[in-house]
Each structure stands twice: as structure tokens, then as C-alpha cells.
Amino acid sequence: MDSQETTIQVNKRVKRELDVLKLHPRESYNDVIERLIVTETEDEELSPETLKHIEQSLKEIRAGKYVSLEQVKRKAGFK
């Protein structure tokens, strides 16, 4: 944690929402809030390379070149 810490008050509803957003039970509220802030402020544009991969994947799906979840389950021995 940063050496400059402070205490904040949140109502019970907000605390419950923060609890739900934790990635694991021991994650601090500071980490949850920081993750939310970073997510909100990040540039959401995709790189040209990512867009190229998405388009290629869509072409493959349209061409029927994919394996369904049911096929994967059968191959893995799940019913």
C-alpha cells in the first residue's frame, strides 16, 4: 500500500458491490477501486493487430471452421 493512506466511508450497498467485484476474497478494496478506475480511464481502442485477428476469427466462424462446446465436451469425455 501507498504510504499516504486515508479512510473513506461507503454505505453498505456500495460495500456489497465492492465485495462482489473482488477477484478473490483477500483482495483489498483499494485494489478493487484502483482496477475500476484504470478500466474506466484506459483507451478502449483496439490495436490494428487485434482487429485483424478478430476479423480473421469472424471469417473462420462464418466458414464453419470452429468446434462447438458440445463437440469439445464429447471429446473430453463429458456428457
N, C-alpha and C. Protein backbone atom coordinates (compact mmCIF):
# COMPACT_ATOMS: atom_id res chain seq x y z
N MET A 1 0.83 -1.19 0.00
CA MET A 1 0.00 0.00 0.00
C MET A 1 0.87 1.24 0.00
N ASP A 2 0.32 2.30 -0.51
CA ASP A 2 0.99 3.59 -0.53
C ASP A 2 1.17 4.09 0.89
N SER A 3 2.22 4.85 1.12
CA SER A 3 2.47 5.36 2.47
C SER A 3 1.47 6.43 2.87
N GLN A 4 0.77 7.00 1.90
CA GLN A 4 -0.25 8.00 2.21
C GLN A 4 -1.63 7.35 2.10
N GLU A 5 -2.13 6.89 3.22
CA GLU A 5 -3.42 6.21 3.24
C GLU A 5 -4.44 7.08 3.93
N THR A 6 -5.70 6.82 3.63
CA THR A 6 -6.79 7.54 4.27
C THR A 6 -7.95 6.59 4.46
N THR A 7 -8.88 6.98 5.25
CA THR A 7 -10.09 6.19 5.47
C THR A 7 -11.24 6.87 4.75
N ILE A 8 -12.06 6.07 4.11
CA ILE A 8 -13.26 6.62 3.46
C ILE A 8 -14.48 5.88 3.99
N GLN A 9 -15.62 6.51 3.85
CA GLN A 9 -16.87 5.87 4.25
C GLN A 9 -17.69 5.57 3.01
N VAL A 10 -18.23 4.38 2.98
CA VAL A 10 -19.14 3.99 1.91
C VAL A 10 -20.36 3.35 2.57
N ASN A 11 -21.49 3.48 1.92
CA ASN A 11 -22.67 2.87 2.51
C ASN A 11 -22.64 1.36 2.28
N LYS A 12 -23.51 0.64 2.96
CA LYS A 12 -23.49 -0.83 2.92
C LYS A 12 -23.73 -1.37 1.52
N ARG A 13 -24.56 -0.69 0.75
CA ARG A 13 -24.83 -1.15 -0.61
C ARG A 13 -23.55 -1.09 -1.45
N VAL A 14 -22.80 0.00 -1.34
CA VAL A 14 -21.56 0.15 -2.09
C VAL A 14 -20.55 -0.89 -1.63
N LYS A 15 -20.46 -1.13 -0.34
CA LYS A 15 -19.55 -2.16 0.17
C LYS A 15 -19.90 -3.53 -0.40
N ARG A 16 -21.19 -3.85 -0.45
CA ARG A 16 -21.61 -5.14 -1.02
C ARG A 16 -21.21 -5.22 -2.50
N GLU A 17 -21.36 -4.12 -3.23
CA GLU A 17 -20.98 -4.09 -4.64
C GLU A 17 -19.47 -4.30 -4.79
N LEU A 18 -18.69 -3.65 -3.92
CA LEU A 18 -17.24 -3.83 -3.95
C LEU A 18 -16.86 -5.26 -3.63
N ASP A 19 -17.57 -5.87 -2.68
CA ASP A 19 -17.33 -7.27 -2.33
C ASP A 19 -17.54 -8.17 -3.54
N VAL A 20 -18.59 -7.91 -4.29
CA VAL A 20 -18.90 -8.72 -5.48
C VAL A 20 -17.80 -8.57 -6.54
N LEU A 21 -17.21 -7.39 -6.62
CA LEU A 21 -16.20 -7.11 -7.64
C LEU A 21 -14.81 -7.64 -7.30
N LYS A 22 -14.64 -8.12 -6.08
CA LYS A 22 -13.33 -8.66 -5.71
C LYS A 22 -13.01 -9.89 -6.55
N LEU A 23 -11.75 -9.97 -7.00
CA LEU A 23 -11.32 -11.13 -7.77
C LEU A 23 -11.03 -12.32 -6.88
N HIS A 24 -10.70 -12.05 -5.63
CA HIS A 24 -10.51 -13.10 -4.63
C HIS A 24 -10.84 -12.49 -3.27
N PRO A 25 -11.22 -13.30 -2.30
CA PRO A 25 -11.69 -12.78 -1.00
C PRO A 25 -10.72 -11.86 -0.28
N ARG A 26 -9.44 -12.04 -0.48
CA ARG A 26 -8.45 -11.23 0.25
C ARG A 26 -8.03 -9.97 -0.52
N GLU A 27 -8.62 -9.75 -1.69
CA GLU A 27 -8.29 -8.54 -2.45
C GLU A 27 -8.75 -7.32 -1.67
N SER A 28 -7.91 -6.31 -1.60
CA SER A 28 -8.27 -5.11 -0.84
C SER A 28 -9.27 -4.26 -1.62
N TYR A 29 -10.03 -3.45 -0.88
CA TYR A 29 -10.96 -2.53 -1.54
C TYR A 29 -10.18 -1.53 -2.38
N ASN A 30 -9.00 -1.16 -1.92
CA ASN A 30 -8.17 -0.24 -2.69
C ASN A 30 -7.86 -0.83 -4.06
N ASP A 31 -7.50 -2.13 -4.09
CA ASP A 31 -7.19 -2.78 -5.36
C ASP A 31 -8.41 -2.83 -6.28
N VAL A 32 -9.59 -3.10 -5.69
CA VAL A 32 -10.82 -3.14 -6.48
C VAL A 32 -11.09 -1.77 -7.10
N ILE A 33 -11.01 -0.74 -6.28
CA ILE A 33 -11.29 0.62 -6.75
C ILE A 33 -10.26 1.04 -7.80
N GLU A 34 -9.01 0.72 -7.54
CA GLU A 34 -7.96 1.07 -8.49
C GLU A 34 -8.20 0.39 -9.84
N ARG A 35 -8.59 -0.89 -9.81
CA ARG A 35 -8.88 -1.63 -11.04
C ARG A 35 -10.03 -0.98 -11.79
N LEU A 36 -11.06 -0.56 -11.06
CA LEU A 36 -12.20 0.11 -11.69
C LEU A 36 -11.80 1.43 -12.32
N ILE A 37 -10.97 2.18 -11.65
CA ILE A 37 -10.53 3.47 -12.17
C ILE A 37 -9.69 3.26 -13.43
N VAL A 38 -8.77 2.33 -13.40
CA VAL A 38 -7.92 2.07 -14.56
C VAL A 38 -8.77 1.61 -15.73
N THR A 39 -9.73 0.74 -15.49
CA THR A 39 -10.61 0.25 -16.54
C THR A 39 -11.38 1.40 -17.18
N GLU A 40 -11.85 2.33 -16.37
CA GLU A 40 -12.62 3.46 -16.88
C GLU A 40 -11.76 4.43 -17.68
N THR A 41 -10.49 4.56 -17.33
CA THR A 41 -9.66 5.58 -17.97
C THR A 41 -8.80 5.06 -19.11
N GLU A 42 -8.71 3.75 -19.26
CA GLU A 42 -7.90 3.19 -20.35
C GLU A 42 -8.51 3.52 -21.69
N ASP A 43 -7.65 3.71 -22.66
CA ASP A 43 -8.10 3.92 -24.03
C ASP A 43 -8.68 2.59 -24.51
N GLU A 44 -9.91 2.61 -24.95
CA GLU A 44 -10.59 1.37 -25.29
C GLU A 44 -10.45 0.98 -26.75
N GLU A 45 -9.61 1.70 -27.52
CA GLU A 45 -9.41 1.35 -28.91
C GLU A 45 -8.57 0.09 -29.03
N LEU A 46 -8.94 -0.74 -29.98
CA LEU A 46 -8.20 -1.97 -30.20
C LEU A 46 -7.08 -1.71 -31.20
N SER A 47 -5.99 -2.41 -31.04
CA SER A 47 -4.86 -2.24 -31.95
C SER A 47 -5.22 -2.81 -33.32
N PRO A 48 -4.55 -2.33 -34.37
CA PRO A 48 -4.79 -2.88 -35.71
C PRO A 48 -4.58 -4.39 -35.76
N GLU A 49 -3.57 -4.87 -35.02
CA GLU A 49 -3.31 -6.31 -35.00
C GLU A 49 -4.47 -7.07 -34.38
N THR A 50 -5.01 -6.56 -33.27
CA THR A 50 -6.16 -7.20 -32.62
C THR A 50 -7.36 -7.20 -33.54
N LEU A 51 -7.63 -6.09 -34.21
CA LEU A 51 -8.74 -6.01 -35.15
C LEU A 51 -8.57 -7.01 -36.28
N LYS A 52 -7.34 -7.18 -36.75
CA LYS A 52 -7.05 -8.15 -37.82
C LYS A 52 -7.38 -9.57 -37.34
N HIS A 53 -6.97 -9.91 -36.11
CA HIS A 53 -7.25 -11.24 -35.56
C HIS A 53 -8.75 -11.46 -35.38
N ILE A 54 -9.46 -10.44 -34.95
CA ILE A 54 -10.91 -10.56 -34.77
C ILE A 54 -11.57 -10.82 -36.12
N GLU A 55 -11.19 -10.05 -37.12
CA GLU A 55 -11.78 -10.22 -38.46
C GLU A 55 -11.47 -11.61 -39.00
N GLN A 56 -10.25 -12.09 -38.81
CA GLN A 56 -9.89 -13.43 -39.27
C GLN A 56 -10.74 -14.48 -38.56
N SER A 57 -10.92 -14.32 -37.27
CA SER A 57 -11.73 -15.26 -36.49
C SER A 57 -13.18 -15.27 -36.97
N LEU A 58 -13.72 -14.09 -37.25
CA LEU A 58 -15.09 -14.00 -37.75
C LEU A 58 -15.23 -14.70 -39.10
N LYS A 59 -14.23 -14.56 -39.96
CA LYS A 59 -14.26 -15.25 -41.26
C LYS A 59 -14.28 -16.75 -41.07
N GLU A 60 -13.46 -17.24 -40.13
CA GLU A 60 -13.41 -18.68 -39.87
C GLU A 60 -14.74 -19.18 -39.32
N ILE A 61 -15.34 -18.42 -38.43
CA ILE A 61 -16.64 -18.82 -37.87
C ILE A 61 -17.69 -18.88 -38.97
N ARG A 62 -17.72 -17.84 -39.81
CA ARG A 62 -18.70 -17.81 -40.92
C ARG A 62 -18.50 -18.97 -41.88
N ALA A 63 -17.26 -19.42 -42.03
CA ALA A 63 -16.95 -20.54 -42.92
C ALA A 63 -17.16 -21.88 -42.24
N GLY A 64 -17.60 -21.86 -40.99
CA GLY A 64 -17.86 -23.10 -40.27
C GLY A 64 -16.62 -23.75 -39.69
N LYS A 65 -15.53 -23.02 -39.64
CA LYS A 65 -14.27 -23.58 -39.11
C LYS A 65 -14.18 -23.30 -37.62
N TYR A 66 -14.93 -24.05 -36.85
CA TYR A 66 -14.90 -23.93 -35.41
C TYR A 66 -15.36 -25.23 -34.80
N VAL A 67 -15.14 -25.38 -33.51
CA VAL A 67 -15.57 -26.56 -32.77
C VAL A 67 -16.56 -26.08 -31.72
N SER A 68 -17.71 -26.71 -31.67
CA SER A 68 -18.73 -26.30 -30.71
C SER A 68 -18.37 -26.77 -29.30
N LEU A 69 -18.98 -26.15 -28.33
CA LEU A 69 -18.76 -26.55 -26.94
C LEU A 69 -19.18 -28.01 -26.75
N GLU A 70 -20.26 -28.41 -27.37
CA GLU A 70 -20.72 -29.80 -27.26
C GLU A 70 -19.68 -30.77 -27.82
N GLN A 71 -19.05 -30.40 -28.93
CA GLN A 71 -18.02 -31.27 -29.51
C GLN A 71 -16.81 -31.37 -28.56
N VAL A 72 -16.44 -30.27 -27.96
CA VAL A 72 -15.32 -30.27 -27.02
C VAL A 72 -15.65 -31.14 -25.81
N LYS A 73 -16.88 -31.02 -25.30
CA LYS A 73 -17.30 -31.83 -24.15
C LYS A 73 -17.25 -33.31 -24.48
N ARG A 74 -17.77 -33.68 -25.66
CA ARG A 74 -17.76 -35.09 -26.06
C ARG A 74 -16.33 -35.62 -26.16
N LYS A 75 -15.46 -34.81 -26.80
CA LYS A 75 -14.07 -35.24 -26.97
C LYS A 75 -13.36 -35.38 -25.62
N ALA A 76 -13.74 -34.53 -24.67
CA ALA A 76 -13.12 -34.57 -23.34
C ALA A 76 -13.75 -35.62 -22.44
N GLY A 77 -14.83 -36.25 -22.92
CA GLY A 77 -15.46 -37.31 -22.14
C GLY A 77 -16.56 -36.84 -21.22
N PHE A 78 -17.00 -35.61 -21.37
CA PHE A 78 -18.11 -35.10 -20.56
C PHE A 78 -19.41 -35.41 -21.28
N LYS A 79 -20.45 -35.60 -20.49
CA LYS A 79 -21.76 -35.89 -21.11
C LYS A 79 -22.62 -34.67 -21.11
